[in-house]
Amino acid sequence: MTSNLSGEGPNSDPSGSDKKRGESQRLRRQQLRAASAGWNFVTSPLVGAGLGYGVDWLISSYPWGMVLGLILGFVSAFIELMRISR
């Protein structure tokens, strides 16, 4: 029996394909983060405006709840974008 002194296990690939696979996965994660940031800028203001409209309907304050919800939605989307970009 001989021991493997090269430090490579029986399943390791010396050609570097593991490194390429890791870079590919990193690129996919970056692309998914960018896509989620785009969707966040669409959905956050819509959800905020919808919730504001519901508040307006409950307390008859149209359009102030919807405007405030829309503004808070954009603020939320911007904060999330800053968090993702780190």
PDB file of N, CA and C in Angstrom:
ATOM      1  N   MET A   1       0.838  -1.179   0.000  1.00  0.00           N
ATOM      2  CA  MET A   1       0.000   0.000   0.000  1.00  0.00           C
ATOM      3  C   MET A   1       0.880   1.237   0.000  1.00  0.00           C
ATOM      4  N   THR A   2       0.518   2.174  -0.823  1.00  0.00           N
ATOM      5  CA  THR A   2       1.259   3.436  -0.851  1.00  0.00           C
ATOM      6  C   THR A   2       0.339   4.554  -0.433  1.00  0.00           C
ATOM      7  N   SER A   3       0.913   5.585   0.128  1.00  0.00           N
ATOM      8  CA  SER A   3       0.088   6.725   0.542  1.00  0.00           C
ATOM      9  C   SER A   3       0.174   7.812  -0.514  1.00  0.00           C
ATOM     10  N   ASN A   4      -0.883   8.590  -0.591  1.00  0.00           N
ATOM     11  CA  ASN A   4      -0.957   9.685  -1.551  1.00  0.00           C
ATOM     12  C   ASN A   4      -0.381  10.928  -0.902  1.00  0.00           C
ATOM     13  N   LEU A   5       0.814  11.325  -1.295  1.00  0.00           N
ATOM     14  CA  LEU A   5       1.480  12.476  -0.701  1.00  0.00           C
ATOM     15  C   LEU A   5       1.219  13.776  -1.458  1.00  0.00           C
ATOM     16  N   SER A   6       0.494  13.714  -2.575  1.00  0.00           N
ATOM     17  CA  SER A   6       0.266  14.925  -3.367  1.00  0.00           C
ATOM     18  C   SER A   6      -0.811  15.813  -2.777  1.00  0.00           C
ATOM     19  N   GLY A   7      -1.598  15.320  -1.827  1.00  0.00           N
ATOM     20  CA  GLY A   7      -2.652  16.115  -1.206  1.00  0.00           C
ATOM     21  C   GLY A   7      -3.962  16.081  -1.970  1.00  0.00           C
ATOM     22  N   GLU A   8      -3.971  15.373  -3.062  1.00  0.00           N
ATOM     23  CA  GLU A   8      -5.191  15.276  -3.850  1.00  0.00           C
ATOM     24  C   GLU A   8      -5.919  14.003  -3.489  1.00  0.00           C
ATOM     25  N   GLY A   9      -7.192  14.121  -3.281  1.00  0.00           N
ATOM     26  CA  GLY A   9      -7.984  12.959  -2.955  1.00  0.00           C
ATOM     27  C   GLY A   9      -8.344  12.183  -4.208  1.00  0.00           C
ATOM     28  N   PRO A  10      -8.985  11.044  -4.046  1.00  0.00           N
ATOM     29  CA  PRO A  10      -9.341  10.229  -5.204  1.00  0.00           C
ATOM     30  C   PRO A  10     -10.391  10.897  -6.090  1.00  0.00           C
ATOM     31  N   ASN A  11     -11.173  11.832  -5.554  1.00  0.00           N
ATOM     32  CA  ASN A  11     -12.230  12.471  -6.327  1.00  0.00           C
ATOM     33  C   ASN A  11     -11.847  13.857  -6.813  1.00  0.00           C
ATOM     34  N   SER A  12     -10.640  14.324  -6.546  1.00  0.00           N
ATOM     35  CA  SER A  12     -10.273  15.670  -6.959  1.00  0.00           C
ATOM     36  C   SER A  12      -9.902  15.679  -8.432  1.00  0.00           C
ATOM     37  N   ASP A  13     -10.145  16.806  -9.066  1.00  0.00           N
ATOM     38  CA  ASP A  13      -9.886  16.957 -10.491  1.00  0.00           C
ATOM     39  C   ASP A  13      -8.710  17.902 -10.667  1.00  0.00           C
ATOM     40  N   PRO A  14      -7.560  17.411 -11.079  1.00  0.00           N
ATOM     41  CA  PRO A  14      -6.388  18.274 -11.187  1.00  0.00           C
ATOM     42  C   PRO A  14      -6.466  19.272 -12.335  1.00  0.00           C
ATOM     43  N   SER A  15      -7.427  19.119 -13.240  1.00  0.00           N
ATOM     44  CA  SER A  15      -7.503  20.018 -14.400  1.00  0.00           C
ATOM     45  C   SER A  15      -8.092  21.377 -14.051  1.00  0.00           C
ATOM     46  N   GLY A  16      -8.676  21.546 -12.876  1.00  0.00           N
ATOM     47  CA  GLY A  16      -9.211  22.843 -12.458  1.00  0.00           C
ATOM     48  C   GLY A  16     -10.679  23.037 -12.773  1.00  0.00           C
ATOM     49  N   SER A  17     -11.401  21.964 -13.105  1.00  0.00           N
ATOM     50  CA  SER A  17     -12.820  22.128 -13.434  1.00  0.00           C
ATOM     51  C   SER A  17     -13.631  22.518 -12.198  1.00  0.00           C
ATOM     52  N   ASP A  18     -13.170  22.149 -10.996  1.00  0.00           N
ATOM     53  CA  ASP A  18     -13.858  22.574  -9.775  1.00  0.00           C
ATOM     54  C   ASP A  18     -13.806  24.089  -9.645  1.00  0.00           C
ATOM     55  N   LYS A  19     -12.685  24.660 -10.009  1.00  0.00           N
ATOM     56  CA  LYS A  19     -12.528  26.111  -9.943  1.00  0.00           C
ATOM     57  C   LYS A  19     -13.463  26.799 -10.940  1.00  0.00           C
ATOM     58  N   LYS A  20     -13.562  26.247 -12.133  1.00  0.00           N
ATOM     59  CA  LYS A  20     -14.458  26.806 -13.146  1.00  0.00           C
ATOM     60  C   LYS A  20     -15.907  26.699 -12.698  1.00  0.00           C
ATOM     61  N   ARG A  21     -16.261  25.587 -12.077  1.00  0.00           N
ATOM     62  CA  ARG A  21     -17.623  25.380 -11.603  1.00  0.00           C
ATOM     63  C   ARG A  21     -17.963  26.389 -10.513  1.00  0.00           C
ATOM     64  N   GLY A  22     -17.015  26.654  -9.614  1.00  0.00           N
ATOM     65  CA  GLY A  22     -17.234  27.633  -8.551  1.00  0.00           C
ATOM     66  C   GLY A  22     -17.430  29.031  -9.110  1.00  0.00           C
ATOM     67  N   GLU A  23     -16.650  29.389 -10.128  1.00  0.00           N
ATOM     68  CA  GLU A  23     -16.803  30.704 -10.753  1.00  0.00           C
ATOM     69  C   GLU A  23     -18.143  30.815 -11.456  1.00  0.00           C
ATOM     70  N   SER A  24     -18.578  29.737 -12.082  1.00  0.00           N
ATOM     71  CA  SER A  24     -19.868  29.732 -12.764  1.00  0.00           C
ATOM     72  C   SER A  24     -21.011  29.905 -11.763  1.00  0.00           C
ATOM     73  N   GLN A  25     -20.920  29.226 -10.634  1.00  0.00           N
ATOM     74  CA  GLN A  25     -21.958  29.354  -9.616  1.00  0.00           C
ATOM     75  C   GLN A  25     -21.974  30.755  -9.017  1.00  0.00           C
ATOM     76  N   ARG A  26     -20.801  31.357  -8.836  1.00  0.00           N
ATOM     77  CA  ARG A  26     -20.718  32.717  -8.313  1.00  0.00           C
ATOM     78  C   ARG A  26     -21.375  33.699  -9.288  1.00  0.00           C
ATOM     79  N   LEU A  27     -21.135  33.512 -10.587  1.00  0.00           N
ATOM     80  CA  LEU A  27     -21.743  34.369 -11.595  1.00  0.00           C
ATOM     81  C   LEU A  27     -23.257  34.228 -11.585  1.00  0.00           C
ATOM     82  N   ARG A  28     -23.764  33.012 -11.435  1.00  0.00           N
ATOM     83  CA  ARG A  28     -25.216  32.784 -11.375  1.00  0.00           C
ATOM     84  C   ARG A  28     -25.828  33.462 -10.157  1.00  0.00           C
ATOM     85  N   ARG A  29     -25.131  33.396  -9.015  1.00  0.00           N
ATOM     86  CA  ARG A  29     -25.646  34.062  -7.814  1.00  0.00           C
ATOM     87  C   ARG A  29     -25.718  35.569  -8.018  1.00  0.00           C
ATOM     88  N   GLN A  30     -24.700  36.147  -8.651  1.00  0.00           N
ATOM     89  CA  GLN A  30     -24.708  37.586  -8.921  1.00  0.00           C
ATOM     90  C   GLN A  30     -25.854  37.955  -9.856  1.00  0.00           C
ATOM     91  N   GLN A  31     -26.097  37.137 -10.857  1.00  0.00           N
ATOM     92  CA  GLN A  31     -27.191  37.404 -11.784  1.00  0.00           C
ATOM     93  C   GLN A  31     -28.546  37.301 -11.086  1.00  0.00           C
ATOM     94  N   LEU A  32     -28.690  36.331 -10.201  1.00  0.00           N
ATOM     95  CA  LEU A  32     -29.949  36.198  -9.459  1.00  0.00           C
ATOM     96  C   LEU A  32     -30.168  37.376  -8.516  1.00  0.00           C
ATOM     97  N   ARG A  33     -29.086  37.864  -7.883  1.00  0.00           N
ATOM     98  CA  ARG A  33     -29.221  39.042  -7.027  1.00  0.00           C
ATOM     99  C   ARG A  33     -29.646  40.252  -7.835  1.00  0.00           C
ATOM    100  N   ALA A  34     -29.068  40.425  -9.020  1.00  0.00           N
ATOM    101  CA  ALA A  34     -29.436  41.560  -9.870  1.00  0.00           C
ATOM    102  C   ALA A  34     -30.895  41.458 -10.306  1.00  0.00           C
ATOM    103  N   ALA A  35     -31.344  40.265 -10.648  1.00  0.00           N
ATOM    104  CA  ALA A  35     -32.734  40.080 -11.045  1.00  0.00           C
ATOM    105  C   ALA A  35     -33.675  40.338  -9.876  1.00  0.00           C
ATOM    106  N   SER A  36     -33.292  39.893  -8.689  1.00  0.00           N
ATOM    107  CA  SER A  36     -34.160  40.119  -7.529  1.00  0.00           C
ATOM    108  C   SER A  36     -34.216  41.603  -7.177  1.00  0.00           C
ATOM    109  N   ALA A  37     -33.125  42.327  -7.402  1.00  0.00           N
ATOM    110  CA  ALA A  37     -33.144  43.769  -7.149  1.00  0.00           C
ATOM    111  C   ALA A  37     -34.111  44.452  -8.103  1.00  0.00           C
ATOM    112  N   GLY A  38     -34.136  44.024  -9.357  1.00  0.00           N
ATOM    113  CA  GLY A  38     -35.075  44.589 -10.324  1.00  0.00           C
ATOM    114  C   GLY A  38     -36.521  44.324  -9.933  1.00  0.00           C
ATOM    115  N   TRP A  39     -36.804  43.098  -9.565  1.00  0.00           N
ATOM    116  CA  TRP A  39     -38.163  42.763  -9.138  1.00  0.00           C
ATOM    117  C   TRP A  39     -38.539  43.504  -7.859  1.00  0.00           C
ATOM    118  N   ASN A  40     -37.555  43.728  -7.011  1.00  0.00           N
ATOM    119  CA  ASN A  40     -37.813  44.439  -5.762  1.00  0.00           C
ATOM    120  C   ASN A  40     -38.262  45.867  -6.047  1.00  0.00           C
ATOM    121  N   PHE A  41     -37.667  46.506  -7.058  1.00  0.00           N
ATOM    122  CA  PHE A  41     -38.064  47.868  -7.386  1.00  0.00           C
ATOM    123  C   PHE A  41     -39.450  47.931  -8.007  1.00  0.00           C
ATOM    124  N   VAL A  42     -39.954  46.827  -8.504  1.00  0.00           N
ATOM    125  CA  VAL A  42     -41.309  46.795  -9.047  1.00  0.00           C
ATOM    126  C   VAL A  42     -42.322  46.466  -7.952  1.00  0.00           C
ATOM    127  N   THR A  43     -42.020  45.442  -7.168  1.00  0.00           N
ATOM    128  CA  THR A  43     -43.021  44.940  -6.227  1.00  0.00           C
ATOM    129  C   THR A  43     -43.154  45.772  -4.955  1.00  0.00           C
ATOM    130  N   SER A  44     -42.047  46.286  -4.428  1.00  0.00           N
ATOM    131  CA  SER A  44     -42.128  47.029  -3.162  1.00  0.00           C
ATOM    132  C   SER A  44     -43.050  48.249  -3.248  1.00  0.00           C
ATOM    133  N   PRO A  45     -42.907  49.109  -4.264  1.00  0.00           N
ATOM    134  CA  PRO A  45     -43.839  50.245  -4.348  1.00  0.00           C
ATOM    135  C   PRO A  45     -45.288  49.815  -4.607  1.00  0.00           C
ATOM    136  N   LEU A  46     -45.472  48.737  -5.388  1.00  0.00           N
ATOM    137  CA  LEU A  46     -46.841  48.280  -5.641  1.00  0.00           C
ATOM    138  C   LEU A  46     -47.493  47.748  -4.366  1.00  0.00           C
ATOM    139  N   VAL A  47     -46.737  46.992  -3.592  1.00  0.00           N
ATOM    140  CA  VAL A  47     -47.273  46.470  -2.332  1.00  0.00           C
ATOM    141  C   VAL A  47     -47.559  47.630  -1.374  1.00  0.00           C
ATOM    142  N   GLY A  48     -46.628  48.590  -1.296  1.00  0.00           N
ATOM    143  CA  GLY A  48     -46.842  49.752  -0.432  1.00  0.00           C
ATOM    144  C   GLY A  48     -48.069  50.548  -0.836  1.00  0.00           C
ATOM    145  N   ALA A  49     -48.229  50.771  -2.145  1.00  0.00           N
ATOM    146  CA  ALA A  49     -49.399  51.511  -2.629  1.00  0.00           C
ATOM    147  C   ALA A  49     -50.684  50.735  -2.364  1.00  0.00           C
ATOM    148  N   GLY A  50     -50.635  49.415  -2.536  1.00  0.00           N
ATOM    149  CA  GLY A  50     -51.819  48.592  -2.262  1.00  0.00           C
ATOM    150  C   GLY A  50     -52.213  48.628  -0.794  1.00  0.00           C
ATOM    151  N   LEU A  51     -51.233  48.523   0.082  1.00  0.00           N
ATOM    152  CA  LEU A  51     -51.534  48.603   1.517  1.00  0.00           C
ATOM    153  C   LEU A  51     -52.050  49.993   1.886  1.00  0.00           C
ATOM    154  N   GLY A  52     -51.438  51.023   1.275  1.00  0.00           N
ATOM    155  CA  GLY A  52     -51.915  52.386   1.522  1.00  0.00           C
ATOM    156  C   GLY A  52     -53.339  52.588   1.037  1.00  0.00           C
ATOM    157  N   TYR A  53     -53.672  51.994  -0.097  1.00  0.00           N
ATOM    158  CA  TYR A  53     -55.034  52.087  -0.613  1.00  0.00           C
ATOM    159  C   TYR A  53     -56.019  51.409   0.340  1.00  0.00           C
ATOM    160  N   GLY A  54     -55.589  50.271   0.903  1.00  0.00           N
ATOM    161  CA  GLY A  54     -56.435  49.590   1.888  1.00  0.00           C
ATOM    162  C   GLY A  54     -56.663  50.442   3.124  1.00  0.00           C
ATOM    163  N   VAL A  55     -55.618  51.133   3.574  1.00  0.00           N
ATOM    164  CA  VAL A  55     -55.764  52.040   4.720  1.00  0.00           C
ATOM    165  C   VAL A  55     -56.695  53.192   4.348  1.00  0.00           C
ATOM    166  N   ASP A  56     -56.529  53.723   3.135  1.00  0.00           N
ATOM    167  CA  ASP A  56     -57.422  54.790   2.670  1.00  0.00           C
ATOM    168  C   ASP A  56     -58.876  54.340   2.670  1.00  0.00           C
ATOM    169  N   TRP A  57     -59.103  53.123   2.235  1.00  0.00           N
ATOM    170  CA  TRP A  57     -60.461  52.616   2.161  1.00  0.00           C
ATOM    171  C   TRP A  57     -61.061  52.471   3.566  1.00  0.00           C
ATOM    172  N   LEU A  58     -60.218  52.068   4.530  1.00  0.00           N
ATOM    173  CA  LEU A  58     -60.707  51.877   5.894  1.00  0.00           C
ATOM    174  C   LEU A  58     -61.014  53.198   6.597  1.00  0.00           C
ATOM    175  N   ILE A  59     -60.166  54.194   6.406  1.00  0.00           N
ATOM    176  CA  ILE A  59     -60.342  55.435   7.175  1.00  0.00           C
ATOM    177  C   ILE A  59     -60.723  56.630   6.302  1.00  0.00           C
ATOM    178  N   SER A  60     -61.057  56.385   5.030  1.00  0.00           N
ATOM    179  CA  SER A  60     -61.529  57.429   4.098  1.00  0.00           C
ATOM    180  C   SER A  60     -60.570  58.617   4.037  1.00  0.00           C
ATOM    181  N   SER A  61     -59.314  58.325   3.731  1.00  0.00           N
ATOM    182  CA  SER A  61     -58.318  59.399   3.653  1.00  0.00           C
ATOM    183  C   SER A  61     -57.672  59.466   2.273  1.00  0.00           C
ATOM    184  N   TYR A  62     -58.386  59.018   1.245  1.00  0.00           N
ATOM    185  CA  TYR A  62     -57.833  58.958  -0.103  1.00  0.00           C
ATOM    186  C   TYR A  62     -57.278  60.293  -0.514  1.00  0.00           C
ATOM    187  N   PRO A  63     -56.130  60.413  -1.099  1.00  0.00           N
ATOM    188  CA  PRO A  63     -55.092  59.501  -1.566  1.00  0.00           C
ATOM    189  C   PRO A  63     -53.885  59.440  -0.654  1.00  0.00           C
ATOM    190  N   TRP A  64     -53.975  59.952   0.564  1.00  0.00           N
ATOM    191  CA  TRP A  64     -52.781  60.114   1.396  1.00  0.00           C
ATOM    192  C   TRP A  64     -52.162  58.802   1.845  1.00  0.00           C
ATOM    193  N   GLY A  65     -52.931  57.813   2.164  1.00  0.00           N
ATOM    194  CA  GLY A  65     -52.379  56.522   2.557  1.00  0.00           C
ATOM    195  C   GLY A  65     -51.662  55.849   1.401  1.00  0.00           C
ATOM    196  N   MET A  66     -52.254  55.952   0.202  1.00  0.00           N
ATOM    197  CA  MET A  66     -51.634  55.352  -0.961  1.00  0.00           C
ATOM    198  C   MET A  66     -50.324  56.063  -1.316  1.00  0.00           C
ATOM    199  N   VAL A  67     -50.298  57.377  -1.226  1.00  0.00           N
ATOM    200  CA  VAL A  67     -49.080  58.131  -1.515  1.00  0.00           C
ATOM    201  C   VAL A  67     -47.992  57.775  -0.503  1.00  0.00           C
ATOM    202  N   LEU A  68     -48.349  57.739   0.752  1.00  0.00           N
ATOM    203  CA  LEU A  68     -47.377  57.379   1.784  1.00  0.00           C
ATOM    204  C   LEU A  68     -46.877  55.952   1.601  1.00  0.00           C
ATOM    205  N   GLY A  69     -47.766  55.031   1.267  1.00  0.00           N
ATOM    206  CA  GLY A  69     -47.364  53.646   1.013  1.00  0.00           C
ATOM    207  C   GLY A  69     -46.436  53.533  -0.186  1.00  0.00           C
ATOM    208  N   LEU A  70     -46.704  54.308  -1.225  1.00  0.00           N
ATOM    209  CA  LEU A  70     -45.852  54.308  -2.407  1.00  0.00           C
ATOM    210  C   LEU A  70     -44.457  54.831  -2.071  1.00  0.00           C
ATOM    211  N   ILE A  71     -44.399  55.913  -1.323  1.00  0.00           N
ATOM    212  CA  ILE A  71     -43.103  56.476  -0.917  1.00  0.00           C
ATOM    213  C   ILE A  71     -42.343  55.483  -0.047  1.00  0.00           C
ATOM    214  N   LEU A  72     -43.018  54.882   0.918  1.00  0.00           N
ATOM    215  CA  LEU A  72     -42.353  53.898   1.778  1.00  0.00           C
ATOM    216  C   LEU A  72     -41.898  52.669   0.989  1.00  0.00           C
ATOM    217  N   GLY A  73     -42.653  52.305  -0.052  1.00  0.00           N
ATOM    218  CA  GLY A  73     -42.246  51.192  -0.912  1.00  0.00           C
ATOM    219  C   GLY A  73     -40.960  51.498  -1.651  1.00  0.00           C
ATOM    220  N   PHE A  74     -40.834  52.724  -2.181  1.00  0.00           N
ATOM    221  CA  PHE A  74     -39.598  53.105  -2.865  1.00  0.00           C
ATOM    222  C   PHE A  74     -38.427  53.172  -1.890  1.00  0.00           C
ATOM    223  N   VAL A  75     -38.669  53.677  -0.694  1.00  0.00           N
ATOM    224  CA  VAL A  75     -37.608  53.729   0.309  1.00  0.00           C
ATOM    225  C   VAL A  75     -37.163  52.310   0.661  1.00  0.00           C
ATOM    226  N   SER A  76     -38.112  51.423   0.828  1.00  0.00           N
ATOM    227  CA  SER A  76     -37.788  50.031   1.134  1.00  0.00           C
ATOM    228  C   SER A  76     -36.988  49.384   0.002  1.00  0.00           C
ATOM    229  N   ALA A  77     -37.368  49.639  -1.236  1.00  0.00           N
ATOM    230  CA  ALA A  77     -36.645  49.082  -2.382  1.00  0.00           C
ATOM    231  C   ALA A  77     -35.221  49.627  -2.442  1.00  0.00           C
ATOM    232  N   PHE A  78     -35.046  50.900  -2.158  1.00  0.00           N
ATOM    233  CA  PHE A  78     -33.716  51.493  -2.188  1.00  0.00           C
ATOM    234  C   PHE A  78     -32.832  50.916  -1.078  1.00  0.00           C
ATOM    235  N   ILE A  79     -33.385  50.743   0.112  1.00  0.00           N
ATOM    236  CA  ILE A  79     -32.623  50.147   1.216  1.00  0.00           C
ATOM    237  C   ILE A  79     -32.224  48.715   0.870  1.00  0.00           C
ATOM    238  N   GLU A  80     -33.131  47.972   0.282  1.00  0.00           N
ATOM    239  CA  GLU A  80     -32.822  46.590  -0.111  1.00  0.00           C
ATOM    240  C   GLU A  80     -31.739  46.577  -1.194  1.00  0.00           C
ATOM    241  N   LEU A  81     -31.775  47.518  -2.114  1.00  0.00           N
ATOM    242  CA  LEU A  81     -30.740  47.596  -3.152  1.00  0.00           C
ATOM    243  C   LEU A  81     -29.376  47.866  -2.528  1.00  0.00           C
ATOM    244  N   MET A  82     -29.330  48.753  -1.538  1.00  0.00           N
ATOM    245  CA  MET A  82     -28.074  49.027  -0.865  1.00  0.00           C
ATOM    246  C   MET A  82     -27.564  47.801  -0.110  1.00  0.00           C
ATOM    247  N   ARG A  83     -28.472  47.032   0.471  1.00  0.00           N
ATOM    248  CA  ARG A  83     -28.092  45.829   1.196  1.00  0.00           C
ATOM    249  C   ARG A  83     -27.552  44.771   0.239  1.00  0.00           C
ATOM    250  N   ILE A  84     -28.191  44.623  -0.917  1.00  0.00           N
ATOM    251  CA  ILE A  84     -27.767  43.623  -1.894  1.00  0.00           C
ATOM    252  C   ILE A  84     -26.415  43.990  -2.496  1.00  0.00           C
ATOM    253  N   SER A  85     -26.180  45.266  -2.701  1.00  0.00           N
ATOM    254  CA  SER A  85     -24.961  45.681  -3.390  1.00  0.00           C
ATOM    255  C   SER A  85     -23.702  45.516  -2.545  1.00  0.00           C
ATOM    256  N   ARG A  86     -23.829  45.268  -1.266  1.00  0.00           N
ATOM    257  CA  ARG A  86     -22.645  45.072  -0.409  1.00  0.00           C
ATOM    258  C   ARG A  86     -22.034  43.749  -0.625  1.00  0.00           C
TER     259      ARG A  86
END
